[in-house]
N, C-alpha and C. Protein backbone atom coordinates (compact mmCIF):
# COMPACT_ATOMS: atom_id res chain seq x y z
N MET A 1 78.48 60.15 170.39
CA MET A 1 78.18 59.03 169.54
C MET A 1 76.99 58.27 170.09
N LEU A 2 76.28 57.66 169.21
CA LEU A 2 75.16 56.87 169.65
C LEU A 2 75.66 55.55 170.22
N LYS A 3 74.86 54.99 171.06
CA LYS A 3 75.21 53.73 171.67
C LYS A 3 75.29 52.62 170.62
N LEU A 4 74.41 52.66 169.63
CA LEU A 4 74.36 51.65 168.58
C LEU A 4 75.65 51.68 167.75
N GLU A 5 76.17 52.87 167.42
CA GLU A 5 77.39 52.98 166.63
C GLU A 5 78.58 52.40 167.38
N ARG A 6 78.64 52.61 168.66
CA ARG A 6 79.76 52.09 169.44
C ARG A 6 79.69 50.57 169.55
N GLU A 7 78.52 50.02 169.68
CA GLU A 7 78.36 48.59 169.83
C GLU A 7 78.64 47.85 168.51
N CYS A 8 78.26 48.42 167.38
CA CYS A 8 78.42 47.77 166.07
C CYS A 8 79.73 48.15 165.39
N ASN A 9 80.51 48.99 165.99
CA ASN A 9 81.77 49.47 165.43
C ASN A 9 81.56 50.12 164.05
N ILE A 10 80.51 50.89 163.90
CA ILE A 10 80.26 51.61 162.66
C ILE A 10 81.15 52.85 162.65
N PRO A 11 81.96 53.02 161.58
CA PRO A 11 82.84 54.19 161.56
C PRO A 11 82.02 55.47 161.45
N THR A 12 82.51 56.51 162.09
CA THR A 12 81.80 57.79 162.04
C THR A 12 82.09 58.51 160.74
N ASP A 13 83.20 58.18 160.08
CA ASP A 13 83.52 58.79 158.79
C ASP A 13 82.72 58.05 157.73
N ARG A 14 81.85 58.75 157.03
CA ARG A 14 80.91 58.11 156.10
C ARG A 14 81.43 58.05 154.65
N ARG A 15 82.74 58.24 154.41
CA ARG A 15 83.27 58.19 153.05
C ARG A 15 83.12 56.78 152.50
N GLN A 16 82.79 56.72 151.22
CA GLN A 16 82.64 55.44 150.55
C GLN A 16 83.86 55.23 149.67
N THR A 17 84.30 54.00 149.57
CA THR A 17 85.43 53.70 148.70
C THR A 17 84.90 53.18 147.38
N GLY A 18 85.73 53.30 146.31
CA GLY A 18 85.34 52.84 144.99
C GLY A 18 85.55 53.93 143.96
N PHE A 19 85.08 53.68 142.76
CA PHE A 19 85.25 54.63 141.67
C PHE A 19 84.04 55.54 141.59
N THR A 20 84.30 56.76 141.20
CA THR A 20 83.20 57.70 140.99
C THR A 20 82.60 57.46 139.61
N LEU A 21 81.46 58.04 139.38
CA LEU A 21 80.80 57.90 138.09
C LEU A 21 81.65 58.51 136.98
N LEU A 22 82.27 59.63 137.24
CA LEU A 22 83.12 60.29 136.24
C LEU A 22 84.32 59.41 135.88
N GLU A 23 84.97 58.83 136.86
CA GLU A 23 86.10 57.94 136.58
C GLU A 23 85.68 56.73 135.74
N THR A 24 84.53 56.18 136.05
CA THR A 24 84.04 55.03 135.31
C THR A 24 83.73 55.41 133.86
N LEU A 25 83.10 56.57 133.65
CA LEU A 25 82.78 57.01 132.30
C LEU A 25 84.04 57.27 131.48
N VAL A 26 85.04 57.89 132.08
CA VAL A 26 86.29 58.17 131.37
C VAL A 26 86.98 56.87 130.98
N SER A 27 87.00 55.91 131.88
CA SER A 27 87.65 54.63 131.55
C SER A 27 86.88 53.89 130.46
N LEU A 28 85.56 53.97 130.45
CA LEU A 28 84.78 53.33 129.40
C LEU A 28 85.00 54.00 128.05
N ILE A 29 85.13 55.31 128.03
CA ILE A 29 85.40 56.03 126.78
C ILE A 29 86.76 55.64 126.23
N ILE A 30 87.76 55.54 127.08
CA ILE A 30 89.09 55.12 126.64
C ILE A 30 89.05 53.70 126.11
N LEU A 31 88.36 52.82 126.81
CA LEU A 31 88.23 51.43 126.36
C LEU A 31 87.53 51.34 125.01
N LEU A 32 86.50 52.13 124.81
CA LEU A 32 85.78 52.16 123.54
C LEU A 32 86.68 52.65 122.41
N ALA A 33 87.47 53.68 122.66
CA ALA A 33 88.37 54.22 121.64
C ALA A 33 89.42 53.18 121.24
N VAL A 34 90.02 52.53 122.21
CA VAL A 34 91.04 51.52 121.92
C VAL A 34 90.41 50.34 121.18
N SER A 35 89.23 49.92 121.58
CA SER A 35 88.56 48.81 120.90
C SER A 35 88.24 49.17 119.46
N GLY A 36 87.83 50.40 119.20
CA GLY A 36 87.55 50.84 117.84
C GLY A 36 88.79 50.81 116.96
N ILE A 37 89.91 51.23 117.51
CA ILE A 37 91.17 51.21 116.75
C ILE A 37 91.57 49.77 116.43
N VAL A 38 91.46 48.89 117.41
CA VAL A 38 91.83 47.49 117.20
C VAL A 38 90.90 46.84 116.17
N MET A 39 89.61 47.10 116.25
CA MET A 39 88.65 46.51 115.30
C MET A 39 88.90 47.02 113.88
N THR A 40 89.22 48.29 113.73
CA THR A 40 89.53 48.83 112.41
C THR A 40 90.75 48.12 111.82
N GLY A 41 91.77 47.93 112.62
CA GLY A 41 92.97 47.21 112.16
C GLY A 41 92.66 45.77 111.79
N MET A 42 91.83 45.12 112.58
CA MET A 42 91.46 43.73 112.27
C MET A 42 90.67 43.62 110.97
N MET A 43 89.77 44.57 110.73
CA MET A 43 88.99 44.55 109.49
C MET A 43 89.90 44.74 108.27
N GLN A 44 90.86 45.66 108.37
CA GLN A 44 91.80 45.86 107.27
C GLN A 44 92.65 44.62 107.05
N LEU A 45 93.06 43.97 108.13
CA LEU A 45 93.86 42.76 108.02
C LEU A 45 93.06 41.65 107.35
N MET A 46 91.79 41.49 107.71
CA MET A 46 90.96 40.46 107.10
C MET A 46 90.74 40.73 105.61
N GLN A 47 90.56 42.00 105.26
CA GLN A 47 90.37 42.35 103.86
C GLN A 47 91.64 42.05 103.06
N THR A 48 92.79 42.37 103.61
CA THR A 48 94.06 42.11 102.94
C THR A 48 94.28 40.61 102.78
N GLN A 49 93.99 39.85 103.84
CA GLN A 49 94.16 38.40 103.77
C GLN A 49 93.24 37.79 102.71
N GLY A 50 92.02 38.30 102.58
CA GLY A 50 91.10 37.80 101.56
C GLY A 50 91.61 38.08 100.17
N THR A 51 92.17 39.26 99.96
CA THR A 51 92.73 39.61 98.66
C THR A 51 93.91 38.70 98.32
N ILE A 52 94.77 38.48 99.28
CA ILE A 52 95.92 37.60 99.06
C ILE A 52 95.47 36.18 98.76
N ALA A 53 94.47 35.70 99.48
CA ALA A 53 93.97 34.34 99.25
C ALA A 53 93.38 34.21 97.84
N ASN A 54 92.64 35.22 97.40
CA ASN A 54 92.08 35.18 96.05
C ASN A 54 93.16 35.17 94.99
N ARG A 55 94.17 35.98 95.17
CA ARG A 55 95.27 36.01 94.20
C ARG A 55 96.01 34.68 94.17
N THR A 56 96.24 34.11 95.33
CA THR A 56 96.93 32.83 95.41
C THR A 56 96.11 31.74 94.74
N GLU A 57 94.81 31.74 94.99
CA GLU A 57 93.94 30.72 94.40
C GLU A 57 93.91 30.83 92.89
N CYS A 58 93.81 32.03 92.37
CA CYS A 58 93.79 32.22 90.92
C CYS A 58 95.11 31.78 90.30
N GLY A 59 96.20 32.13 90.92
CA GLY A 59 97.50 31.75 90.39
C GLY A 59 97.72 30.26 90.45
N HIS A 60 97.22 29.64 91.50
CA HIS A 60 97.39 28.19 91.66
C HIS A 60 96.64 27.43 90.58
N SER A 61 95.42 27.83 90.30
CA SER A 61 94.64 27.10 89.29
C SER A 61 95.26 27.27 87.91
N HIS A 62 95.83 28.44 87.62
CA HIS A 62 96.48 28.67 86.34
C HIS A 62 97.72 27.78 86.22
N ASP A 63 98.52 27.71 87.27
CA ASP A 63 99.71 26.85 87.26
C ASP A 63 99.33 25.39 87.13
N GLU A 64 98.25 24.99 87.77
CA GLU A 64 97.81 23.60 87.68
C GLU A 64 97.39 23.24 86.26
N ARG A 65 96.69 24.15 85.59
CA ARG A 65 96.31 23.89 84.20
C ARG A 65 97.52 23.78 83.29
N ASN A 66 98.51 24.65 83.49
CA ASN A 66 99.74 24.58 82.70
C ASN A 66 100.46 23.26 82.94
N PHE A 67 100.50 22.81 84.18
CA PHE A 67 101.13 21.53 84.49
C PHE A 67 100.41 20.38 83.79
N GLN A 68 99.08 20.41 83.83
CA GLN A 68 98.31 19.35 83.16
C GLN A 68 98.57 19.35 81.66
N ARG A 69 98.65 20.52 81.07
CA ARG A 69 98.92 20.61 79.63
C ARG A 69 100.29 20.03 79.29
N ARG A 70 101.30 20.42 80.07
CA ARG A 70 102.65 19.95 79.79
C ARG A 70 102.77 18.45 79.93
N THR A 71 102.19 17.90 81.00
CA THR A 71 102.30 16.45 81.20
C THR A 71 101.51 15.69 80.14
N ALA A 72 100.35 16.22 79.73
CA ALA A 72 99.56 15.54 78.70
C ALA A 72 100.28 15.57 77.36
N ARG A 73 100.93 16.66 77.03
CA ARG A 73 101.66 16.76 75.76
C ARG A 73 102.86 15.82 75.73
N ARG A 74 103.41 15.54 76.90
CA ARG A 74 104.57 14.65 76.96
C ARG A 74 104.15 13.18 76.98
N GLY A 75 102.86 12.92 77.02
CA GLY A 75 102.39 11.55 76.97
C GLY A 75 102.13 10.92 78.32
N TYR A 76 102.17 11.71 79.38
CA TYR A 76 101.90 11.17 80.72
C TYR A 76 100.46 11.51 81.09
N GLY A 77 99.78 10.59 81.71
CA GLY A 77 98.43 10.86 82.20
C GLY A 77 97.44 11.01 81.07
N ARG A 78 96.33 11.64 81.38
CA ARG A 78 95.30 11.82 80.36
C ARG A 78 95.26 13.27 79.92
N GLN A 79 94.74 13.48 78.75
CA GLN A 79 94.65 14.82 78.19
C GLN A 79 93.55 15.60 78.92
N PRO A 80 93.86 16.74 79.53
CA PRO A 80 92.81 17.51 80.22
C PRO A 80 91.83 18.11 79.22
N ARG A 81 90.62 18.29 79.66
CA ARG A 81 89.58 18.84 78.80
C ARG A 81 89.22 20.24 79.29
N ASP A 82 88.78 21.08 78.36
CA ASP A 82 88.35 22.41 78.75
C ASP A 82 86.93 22.33 79.30
N HIS A 83 86.34 23.48 79.58
CA HIS A 83 85.03 23.54 80.20
C HIS A 83 83.92 23.02 79.28
N HIS A 84 84.15 22.98 78.00
CA HIS A 84 83.12 22.57 77.05
C HIS A 84 83.29 21.11 76.61
N GLY A 85 84.22 20.41 77.20
CA GLY A 85 84.42 19.00 76.89
C GLY A 85 85.46 18.72 75.83
N GLY A 86 85.99 19.75 75.20
CA GLY A 86 87.01 19.57 74.16
C GLY A 86 88.41 19.49 74.74
N LEU A 87 89.32 19.05 73.95
CA LEU A 87 90.73 19.00 74.41
C LEU A 87 91.35 20.37 74.31
N TRP A 88 92.38 20.59 75.12
CA TRP A 88 93.09 21.86 75.05
C TRP A 88 93.94 21.90 73.82
């Protein structure tokens, strides 16, 4: 052994610890695949939620108009007007 190695306590075994390039690439590929699956599911969920929200909104406005018509016919409140300014 060299005198310098003994004084600095440098190990003679030169193995390096850590991950190899192949291990890192495999883990990144697995991470990418899982992320793709999760993102696909999230996109489908967002599309479904948008469809449900649109249906709910359309149904709500229809029910609100029916309520306004019924209350106006019974003499409560004011008579609702259609889009052209006329009465229903």
